[in-house]
Amino acid sequence: MAELKTKMTDASVAAYMAAISDEKRRADCETVLALMRSVTRDEPKMWGTAIVGFGRYFYRYASGQEGYWMLTAFANRAQAITLYIMAGFDRYADLMARLGKYKTGKSCLYVRRLEDIDLKVLKELVTESVRFLKAKEKETLAAGGPKPVQAAAPKAAKKAGGSKGTTAAGKKATKKAAAKKKATKKAAVKKPGRKV
């Protein structure tokens, strides 16, 4: 199974924040950082090189893929601040209607300026999303199967650069898993009645 490329690291959140050249954007990011810290009661950690994440939860997909992912996060991007609302937005129509001016992706909320949105509603949205993910994690663990292995404290990459922290061995394993999945799908096509 493919391993997620974006992982928690020991990189400095303070350095990431200090590198935001636009003062207004940096102030907005500091406000988001404080809000997410308040909701999760977790200290911010860098995920990859450009995402500030808070907490983490264990997930297991029907495919068998499992691991840890951030409860919530944000990133300073060129066009907007991206806020990661990992539970998505479908179940929060009322909050989204009251939030203000924004755009969304699957679990990404894009906000150009914090003054465009209602921060109280944003806090409620983050709170509800985190609550949902924690409940989902409990359900996953209660359903049985292997218990999650707590990952060791993140270690900084041995060398900078590369393809978003992936190693040659990691790329090879990913290609191998993709080839195996493709072969399984081909076999399933040849054998009608088999569920993929």
C-alpha atoms as a PDB file:
ATOM      1  CA  MET A   1       0.000   0.000   0.000  1.00  0.00           C
ATOM      2  CA  ALA A   2       1.223   3.485  -0.803  1.00  0.00           C
ATOM      3  CA  GLU A   3       2.630   5.400   2.105  1.00  0.00           C
ATOM      4  CA  LEU A   4       1.521   8.990   2.623  1.00  0.00           C
ATOM      5  CA  LYS A   5       4.154  11.472   1.499  1.00  0.00           C
ATOM      6  CA  THR A   6       3.199  14.205   3.963  1.00  0.00           C
ATOM      7  CA  LYS A   7       4.361  13.293   7.453  1.00  0.00           C
ATOM      8  CA  MET A   8       4.899  15.057  10.750  1.00  0.00           C
ATOM      9  CA  THR A   9       8.447  16.401  11.072  1.00  0.00           C
ATOM     10  CA  ASP A  10      10.639  18.141  13.622  1.00  0.00           C
ATOM     11  CA  ALA A  11      10.910  21.265  11.446  1.00  0.00           C
ATOM     12  CA  SER A  12      10.360  24.575  13.236  1.00  0.00           C
ATOM     13  CA  VAL A  13       6.849  26.018  13.161  1.00  0.00           C
ATOM     14  CA  ALA A  14       8.276  29.334  14.397  1.00  0.00           C
ATOM     15  CA  ALA A  15      10.691  29.460  11.431  1.00  0.00           C
ATOM     16  CA  TYR A  16       7.848  28.671   9.020  1.00  0.00           C
ATOM     17  CA  MET A  17       5.735  31.468  10.476  1.00  0.00           C
ATOM     18  CA  ALA A  18       8.628  33.942  10.508  1.00  0.00           C
ATOM     19  CA  ALA A  19       9.248  33.253   6.813  1.00  0.00           C
ATOM     20  CA  ILE A  20       5.799  34.588   5.845  1.00  0.00           C
ATOM     21  CA  SER A  21       6.850  37.923   4.358  1.00  0.00           C
ATOM     22  CA  ASP A  22       3.456  39.641   4.223  1.00  0.00           C
ATOM     23  CA  GLU A  23       2.812  41.040   7.707  1.00  0.00           C
ATOM     24  CA  LYS A  24      -0.989  40.919   7.421  1.00  0.00           C
ATOM     25  CA  ARG A  25      -0.915  37.327   6.188  1.00  0.00           C
ATOM     26  CA  ARG A  26       1.493  36.367   8.976  1.00  0.00           C
ATOM     27  CA  ALA A  27      -0.831  37.952  11.550  1.00  0.00           C
ATOM     28  CA  ASP A  28      -3.780  36.036  10.065  1.00  0.00           C
ATOM     29  CA  CYS A  29      -1.787  32.780  10.240  1.00  0.00           C
ATOM     30  CA  GLU A  30      -0.868  33.507  13.879  1.00  0.00           C
ATOM     31  CA  THR A  31      -4.587  33.950  14.636  1.00  0.00           C
ATOM     32  CA  VAL A  32      -5.422  30.628  12.948  1.00  0.00           C
ATOM     33  CA  LEU A  33      -2.570  28.935  14.827  1.00  0.00           C
ATOM     34  CA  ALA A  34      -3.931  30.196  18.164  1.00  0.00           C
ATOM     35  CA  LEU A  35      -7.486  29.142  17.260  1.00  0.00           C
ATOM     36  CA  MET A  36      -6.458  25.602  16.258  1.00  0.00           C
ATOM     37  CA  ARG A  37      -4.233  25.212  19.312  1.00  0.00           C
ATOM     38  CA  SER A  38      -7.146  26.307  21.501  1.00  0.00           C
ATOM     39  CA  VAL A  39      -9.542  23.782  19.922  1.00  0.00           C
ATOM     40  CA  THR A  40      -7.200  20.777  19.815  1.00  0.00           C
ATOM     41  CA  ARG A  41      -5.134  21.570  22.922  1.00  0.00           C
ATOM     42  CA  ASP A  42      -2.158  20.324  20.906  1.00  0.00           C
ATOM     43  CA  GLU A  43       1.000  22.160  20.006  1.00  0.00           C
ATOM     44  CA  PRO A  44       1.537  22.878  16.308  1.00  0.00           C
ATOM     45  CA  LYS A  45       3.824  20.571  14.329  1.00  0.00           C
ATOM     46  CA  MET A  46       5.071  20.820  10.774  1.00  0.00           C
ATOM     47  CA  TRP A  47       3.673  18.249   8.374  1.00  0.00           C
ATOM     48  CA  GLY A  48       5.910  18.126   5.350  1.00  0.00           C
ATOM     49  CA  THR A  49       7.520  21.475   4.611  1.00  0.00           C
ATOM     50  CA  ALA A  50       4.498  23.756   4.428  1.00  0.00           C
ATOM     51  CA  ILE A  51       1.599  22.555   6.602  1.00  0.00           C
ATOM     52  CA  VAL A  52       1.149  23.445  10.273  1.00  0.00           C
ATOM     53  CA  GLY A  53      -0.844  20.602  11.825  1.00  0.00           C
ATOM     54  CA  PHE A  54      -2.438  19.985  15.204  1.00  0.00           C
ATOM     55  CA  GLY A  55      -2.920  16.634  16.898  1.00  0.00           C
ATOM     56  CA  ARG A  56      -3.424  13.440  14.963  1.00  0.00           C
ATOM     57  CA  TYR A  57      -5.896  10.627  14.674  1.00  0.00           C
ATOM     58  CA  PHE A  58      -5.698   7.003  13.600  1.00  0.00           C
ATOM     59  CA  TYR A  59      -7.610   5.995  10.463  1.00  0.00           C
ATOM     60  CA  ARG A  60      -8.188   2.701   8.692  1.00  0.00           C
ATOM     61  CA  TYR A  61      -9.745   2.551   5.226  1.00  0.00           C
ATOM     62  CA  ALA A  62     -11.788  -0.350   3.833  1.00  0.00           C
ATOM     63  CA  SER A  63      -8.780  -1.045   1.577  1.00  0.00           C
ATOM     64  CA  GLY A  64      -6.750  -1.844   4.680  1.00  0.00           C
ATOM     65  CA  GLN A  65      -4.620   1.282   4.437  1.00  0.00           C
ATOM     66  CA  GLU A  66      -4.148   2.809   7.858  1.00  0.00           C
ATOM     67  CA  GLY A  67      -2.067   5.408   9.567  1.00  0.00           C
ATOM     68  CA  TYR A  68      -2.091   8.733  11.354  1.00  0.00           C
ATOM     69  CA  TRP A  69      -3.176  12.083   9.997  1.00  0.00           C
ATOM     70  CA  MET A  70      -3.521  15.579  11.409  1.00  0.00           C
ATOM     71  CA  LEU A  71      -6.783  16.521  13.138  1.00  0.00           C
ATOM     72  CA  THR A  72      -6.703  19.975  11.589  1.00  0.00           C
ATOM     73  CA  ALA A  73      -4.096  22.207   9.976  1.00  0.00           C
ATOM     74  CA  PHE A  74      -3.382  25.280   7.899  1.00  0.00           C
ATOM     75  CA  ALA A  75      -0.884  26.404   5.292  1.00  0.00           C
ATOM     76  CA  ASN A  76       0.074  29.771   3.920  1.00  0.00           C
ATOM     77  CA  ARG A  77      -0.328  29.602   0.143  1.00  0.00           C
ATOM     78  CA  ALA A  78       0.199  32.270  -2.505  1.00  0.00           C
ATOM     79  CA  GLN A  79      -3.492  32.955  -3.142  1.00  0.00           C
ATOM     80  CA  ALA A  80      -5.013  32.183   0.261  1.00  0.00           C
ATOM     81  CA  ILE A  81      -4.645  30.572   3.647  1.00  0.00           C
ATOM     82  CA  THR A  82      -5.618  26.926   3.311  1.00  0.00           C
ATOM     83  CA  LEU A  83      -7.351  25.482   6.353  1.00  0.00           C
ATOM     84  CA  TYR A  84      -7.628  21.701   6.511  1.00  0.00           C
ATOM     85  CA  ILE A  85     -11.047  20.672   7.830  1.00  0.00           C
ATOM     86  CA  MET A  86     -10.437  16.936   7.667  1.00  0.00           C
ATOM     87  CA  ALA A  87     -14.073  15.906   8.214  1.00  0.00           C
ATOM     88  CA  GLY A  88     -15.080  17.762   5.039  1.00  0.00           C
ATOM     89  CA  PHE A  89     -17.993  20.196   4.773  1.00  0.00           C
ATOM     90  CA  ASP A  90     -21.135  18.255   3.845  1.00  0.00           C
ATOM     91  CA  ARG A  91     -22.326  17.775   7.431  1.00  0.00           C
ATOM     92  CA  TYR A  92     -21.758  21.444   8.318  1.00  0.00           C
ATOM     93  CA  ALA A  93     -24.071  23.270   5.884  1.00  0.00           C
ATOM     94  CA  ASP A  94     -25.426  25.587   8.596  1.00  0.00           C
ATOM     95  CA  LEU A  95     -21.936  26.664   9.686  1.00  0.00           C
ATOM     96  CA  MET A  96     -20.768  27.112   6.096  1.00  0.00           C
ATOM     97  CA  ALA A  97     -23.759  29.354   5.382  1.00  0.00           C
ATOM     98  CA  ARG A  98     -22.728  31.624   8.256  1.00  0.00           C
ATOM     99  CA  LEU A  99     -18.952  31.529   7.738  1.00  0.00           C
ATOM    100  CA  GLY A 100     -18.503  34.326   5.226  1.00  0.00           C
ATOM    101  CA  LYS A 101     -16.428  34.562   2.046  1.00  0.00           C
ATOM    102  CA  TYR A 102     -14.398  31.453   1.173  1.00  0.00           C
ATOM    103  CA  LYS A 103     -13.843  28.664  -1.340  1.00  0.00           C
ATOM    104  CA  THR A 104     -13.596  24.941  -0.654  1.00  0.00           C
ATOM    105  CA  GLY A 105     -12.001  21.784  -1.960  1.00  0.00           C
ATOM    106  CA  LYS A 106     -12.691  18.285  -0.599  1.00  0.00           C
ATOM    107  CA  SER A 107     -11.385  19.093   2.887  1.00  0.00           C
ATOM    108  CA  CYS A 108      -9.678  22.419   2.200  1.00  0.00           C
ATOM    109  CA  LEU A 109     -11.109  25.786   3.128  1.00  0.00           C
ATOM    110  CA  TYR A 110      -9.489  28.666   1.229  1.00  0.00           C
ATOM    111  CA  VAL A 111      -9.643  32.090   2.871  1.00  0.00           C
ATOM    112  CA  ARG A 112      -7.909  35.149   1.409  1.00  0.00           C
ATOM    113  CA  ARG A 113      -8.205  37.273   4.578  1.00  0.00           C
ATOM    114  CA  LEU A 114      -9.550  36.434   8.017  1.00  0.00           C
ATOM    115  CA  GLU A 115     -11.613  39.608   7.965  1.00  0.00           C
ATOM    116  CA  ASP A 116     -13.686  37.918   5.230  1.00  0.00           C
ATOM    117  CA  ILE A 117     -15.000  35.279   7.639  1.00  0.00           C
ATOM    118  CA  ASP A 118     -16.587  34.996  11.081  1.00  0.00           C
ATOM    119  CA  LEU A 119     -13.907  33.645  13.431  1.00  0.00           C
ATOM    120  CA  LYS A 120     -16.459  32.357  15.951  1.00  0.00           C
ATOM    121  CA  VAL A 121     -18.045  30.253  13.222  1.00  0.00           C
ATOM    122  CA  LEU A 122     -14.595  29.082  12.069  1.00  0.00           C
ATOM    123  CA  LYS A 123     -13.787  27.966  15.610  1.00  0.00           C
ATOM    124  CA  GLU A 124     -17.093  26.069  15.772  1.00  0.00           C
ATOM    125  CA  LEU A 125     -16.334  24.417  12.411  1.00  0.00           C
ATOM    126  CA  VAL A 126     -12.857  23.309  13.517  1.00  0.00           C
ATOM    127  CA  THR A 127     -14.271  22.087  16.845  1.00  0.00           C
ATOM    128  CA  GLU A 128     -17.001  20.020  15.165  1.00  0.00           C
ATOM    129  CA  SER A 129     -14.569  18.527  12.651  1.00  0.00           C
ATOM    130  CA  VAL A 130     -12.098  17.523  15.389  1.00  0.00           C
ATOM    131  CA  ARG A 131     -14.931  16.034  17.476  1.00  0.00           C
ATOM    132  CA  PHE A 132     -16.120  14.001  14.473  1.00  0.00           C
ATOM    133  CA  LEU A 133     -12.616  12.647  13.741  1.00  0.00           C
ATOM    134  CA  LYS A 134     -12.030  11.636  17.365  1.00  0.00           C
ATOM    135  CA  ALA A 135     -15.362   9.778  17.415  1.00  0.00           C
ATOM    136  CA  LYS A 136     -14.496   8.099  14.104  1.00  0.00           C
ATOM    137  CA  GLU A 137     -11.133   7.008  15.527  1.00  0.00           C
ATOM    138  CA  LYS A 138     -12.901   5.402  18.525  1.00  0.00           C
ATOM    139  CA  GLU A 139     -15.243   3.532  16.165  1.00  0.00           C
ATOM    140  CA  THR A 140     -12.282   2.336  14.092  1.00  0.00           C
ATOM    141  CA  LEU A 141     -10.461   1.008  17.142  1.00  0.00           C
ATOM    142  CA  ALA A 142     -13.631  -0.558  18.582  1.00  0.00           C
ATOM    143  CA  ALA A 143     -14.234  -2.419  15.296  1.00  0.00           C
ATOM    144  CA  GLY A 144     -11.230  -4.612  16.041  1.00  0.00           C
ATOM    145  CA  GLY A 145      -8.344  -5.597  13.878  1.00  0.00           C
ATOM    146  CA  PRO A 146      -4.779  -4.650  14.584  1.00  0.00           C
ATOM    147  CA  LYS A 147      -4.319  -1.849  17.061  1.00  0.00           C
ATOM    148  CA  PRO A 148      -2.454   1.196  15.800  1.00  0.00           C
ATOM    149  CA  VAL A 149       1.249   1.291  16.460  1.00  0.00           C
ATOM    150  CA  GLN A 150       2.168   4.634  17.951  1.00  0.00           C
ATOM    151  CA  ALA A 151       4.696   6.190  15.642  1.00  0.00           C
ATOM    152  CA  ALA A 152       7.952   7.268  17.210  1.00  0.00           C
ATOM    153  CA  ALA A 153       8.621  10.968  17.589  1.00  0.00           C
ATOM    154  CA  PRO A 154       9.142  12.473  14.154  1.00  0.00           C
ATOM    155  CA  LYS A 155      12.701  12.825  12.977  1.00  0.00           C
ATOM    156  CA  ALA A 156      13.929  15.475  10.625  1.00  0.00           C
ATOM    157  CA  ALA A 157      14.843  14.231   7.167  1.00  0.00           C
ATOM    158  CA  LYS A 158      18.496  13.229   6.916  1.00  0.00           C
ATOM    159  CA  LYS A 159      18.990  15.401   3.892  1.00  0.00           C
ATOM    160  CA  ALA A 160      17.013  18.197   2.332  1.00  0.00           C
ATOM    161  CA  GLY A 161      15.550  18.035  -1.116  1.00  0.00           C
ATOM    162  CA  GLY A 162      14.264  14.999  -2.923  1.00  0.00           C
ATOM    163  CA  SER A 163      10.675  14.433  -3.906  1.00  0.00           C
ATOM    164  CA  LYS A 164       8.750  15.782  -0.916  1.00  0.00           C
ATOM    165  CA  GLY A 165      10.627  13.582   1.524  1.00  0.00           C
ATOM    166  CA  THR A 166      10.155  10.315  -0.374  1.00  0.00           C
ATOM    167  CA  THR A 167      13.081   7.937  -0.616  1.00  0.00           C
ATOM    168  CA  ALA A 168      14.082   5.772  -3.544  1.00  0.00           C
ATOM    169  CA  ALA A 169      12.970   2.714  -1.556  1.00  0.00           C
ATOM    170  CA  GLY A 170       9.637   4.384  -0.794  1.00  0.00           C
ATOM    171  CA  LYS A 171       9.076   5.185  -4.481  1.00  0.00           C
ATOM    172  CA  LYS A 172       9.942   1.601  -5.445  1.00  0.00           C
ATOM    173  CA  ALA A 173       7.489   0.217  -2.858  1.00  0.00           C
ATOM    174  CA  THR A 174       4.784   2.588  -4.111  1.00  0.00           C
ATOM    175  CA  LYS A 175       5.307   1.488  -7.736  1.00  0.00           C
ATOM    176  CA  LYS A 176       5.282  -2.154  -6.677  1.00  0.00           C
ATOM    177  CA  ALA A 177       1.991  -1.686  -4.774  1.00  0.00           C
ATOM    178  CA  ALA A 178       0.428   0.126  -7.757  1.00  0.00           C
ATOM    179  CA  ALA A 179       1.495  -2.669 -10.125  1.00  0.00           C
ATOM    180  CA  LYS A 180       0.049  -5.299  -7.767  1.00  0.00           C
ATOM    181  CA  LYS A 181      -3.248  -3.374  -7.530  1.00  0.00           C
ATOM    182  CA  LYS A 182      -3.392  -3.083 -11.330  1.00  0.00           C
ATOM    183  CA  ALA A 183      -2.758  -6.833 -11.723  1.00  0.00           C
ATOM    184  CA  THR A 184      -5.519  -7.589  -9.198  1.00  0.00           C
ATOM    185  CA  LYS A 185      -7.968  -5.398 -11.121  1.00  0.00           C
ATOM    186  CA  LYS A 186      -7.069  -7.142 -14.426  1.00  0.00           C
ATOM    187  CA  ALA A 187      -7.613 -10.545 -12.814  1.00  0.00           C
ATOM    188  CA  ALA A 188     -10.969  -9.379 -11.468  1.00  0.00           C
ATOM    189  CA  VAL A 189     -12.069  -8.346 -14.966  1.00  0.00           C
ATOM    190  CA  LYS A 190     -11.232 -11.821 -16.294  1.00  0.00           C
ATOM    191  CA  LYS A 191     -13.172 -13.525 -13.483  1.00  0.00           C
ATOM    192  CA  PRO A 192     -16.743 -12.166 -13.467  1.00  0.00           C
ATOM    193  CA  GLY A 193     -18.459 -12.266 -10.117  1.00  0.00           C
ATOM    194  CA  ARG A 194     -15.342 -11.512  -8.110  1.00  0.00           C
ATOM    195  CA  LYS A 195     -15.640  -8.305  -6.127  1.00  0.00           C
ATOM    196  CA  VAL A 196     -12.725  -5.888  -6.180  1.00  0.00           C
END
